[in-house]
Amino acid sequence: MTESKSQTDKFKEAAREAECDEDEARWDERLKKVAKAKPGKAE
């Protein structure tokens, strides 16, 4: 018998394989390394 995984379980498994974590502080730190916006004039 084949066991079927829910979409949520598949997503969690993929996130683990990609070495993701749920730490918001780490997310902010990594995001700042990738997205460095230069301040500009407001329109």
C-alpha atoms as a PDB file:
ATOM      1  CA  MET A   1       0.000   0.000   0.000  1.00  0.00           C
ATOM      2  CA  THR A   2       1.394   3.411  -1.011  1.00  0.00           C
ATOM      3  CA  GLU A   3       1.172   6.141   1.588  1.00  0.00           C
ATOM      4  CA  SER A   4       0.267   9.557   0.198  1.00  0.00           C
ATOM      5  CA  LYS A   5       1.690  12.707   1.800  1.00  0.00           C
ATOM      6  CA  SER A   6      -0.287  15.899   2.138  1.00  0.00           C
ATOM      7  CA  GLN A   7       0.917  19.035   0.378  1.00  0.00           C
ATOM      8  CA  THR A   8       1.925  20.440   3.775  1.00  0.00           C
ATOM      9  CA  ASP A   9       4.085  17.399   4.543  1.00  0.00           C
ATOM     10  CA  LYS A  10       5.728  17.638   1.108  1.00  0.00           C
ATOM     11  CA  PHE A  11       6.460  21.342   1.687  1.00  0.00           C
ATOM     12  CA  LYS A  12       7.964  20.702   5.128  1.00  0.00           C
ATOM     13  CA  GLU A  13      10.145  17.917   3.737  1.00  0.00           C
ATOM     14  CA  ALA A  14      11.366  20.153   0.886  1.00  0.00           C
ATOM     15  CA  ALA A  15      12.124  22.958   3.360  1.00  0.00           C
ATOM     16  CA  ARG A  16      14.179  20.584   5.522  1.00  0.00           C
ATOM     17  CA  GLU A  17      16.111  19.371   2.486  1.00  0.00           C
ATOM     18  CA  ALA A  18      16.852  23.004   1.565  1.00  0.00           C
ATOM     19  CA  GLU A  19      18.104  23.571   5.141  1.00  0.00           C
ATOM     20  CA  CYS A  20      15.495  26.245   5.858  1.00  0.00           C
ATOM     21  CA  ASP A  21      14.660  27.346   9.369  1.00  0.00           C
ATOM     22  CA  GLU A  22      11.932  29.385  11.022  1.00  0.00           C
ATOM     23  CA  ASP A  23      14.151  31.848  12.900  1.00  0.00           C
ATOM     24  CA  GLU A  24      12.967  35.361  11.958  1.00  0.00           C
ATOM     25  CA  ALA A  25      16.232  37.012  13.032  1.00  0.00           C
ATOM     26  CA  ARG A  26      18.252  34.721  10.741  1.00  0.00           C
ATOM     27  CA  TRP A  27      15.812  35.474   7.907  1.00  0.00           C
ATOM     28  CA  ASP A  28      16.299  39.236   8.362  1.00  0.00           C
ATOM     29  CA  GLU A  29      20.087  38.825   8.460  1.00  0.00           C
ATOM     30  CA  ARG A  30      20.140  36.775   5.260  1.00  0.00           C
ATOM     31  CA  LEU A  31      17.670  39.077   3.518  1.00  0.00           C
ATOM     32  CA  LYS A  32      19.855  42.107   4.237  1.00  0.00           C
ATOM     33  CA  LYS A  33      22.791  40.375   2.532  1.00  0.00           C
ATOM     34  CA  VAL A  34      20.745  39.763  -0.614  1.00  0.00           C
ATOM     35  CA  ALA A  35      18.569  42.866  -0.891  1.00  0.00           C
ATOM     36  CA  LYS A  36      20.530  46.026  -0.298  1.00  0.00           C
ATOM     37  CA  ALA A  37      18.333  48.897  -1.427  1.00  0.00           C
ATOM     38  CA  LYS A  38      19.900  52.286  -1.947  1.00  0.00           C
ATOM     39  CA  PRO A  39      17.924  55.169  -0.461  1.00  0.00           C
ATOM     40  CA  GLY A  40      16.274  57.275  -3.142  1.00  0.00           C
ATOM     41  CA  LYS A  41      14.059  60.264  -3.423  1.00  0.00           C
ATOM     42  CA  ALA A  42      10.403  59.723  -2.665  1.00  0.00           C
ATOM     43  CA  GLU A  43       8.088  60.490  -5.548  1.00  0.00           C
END
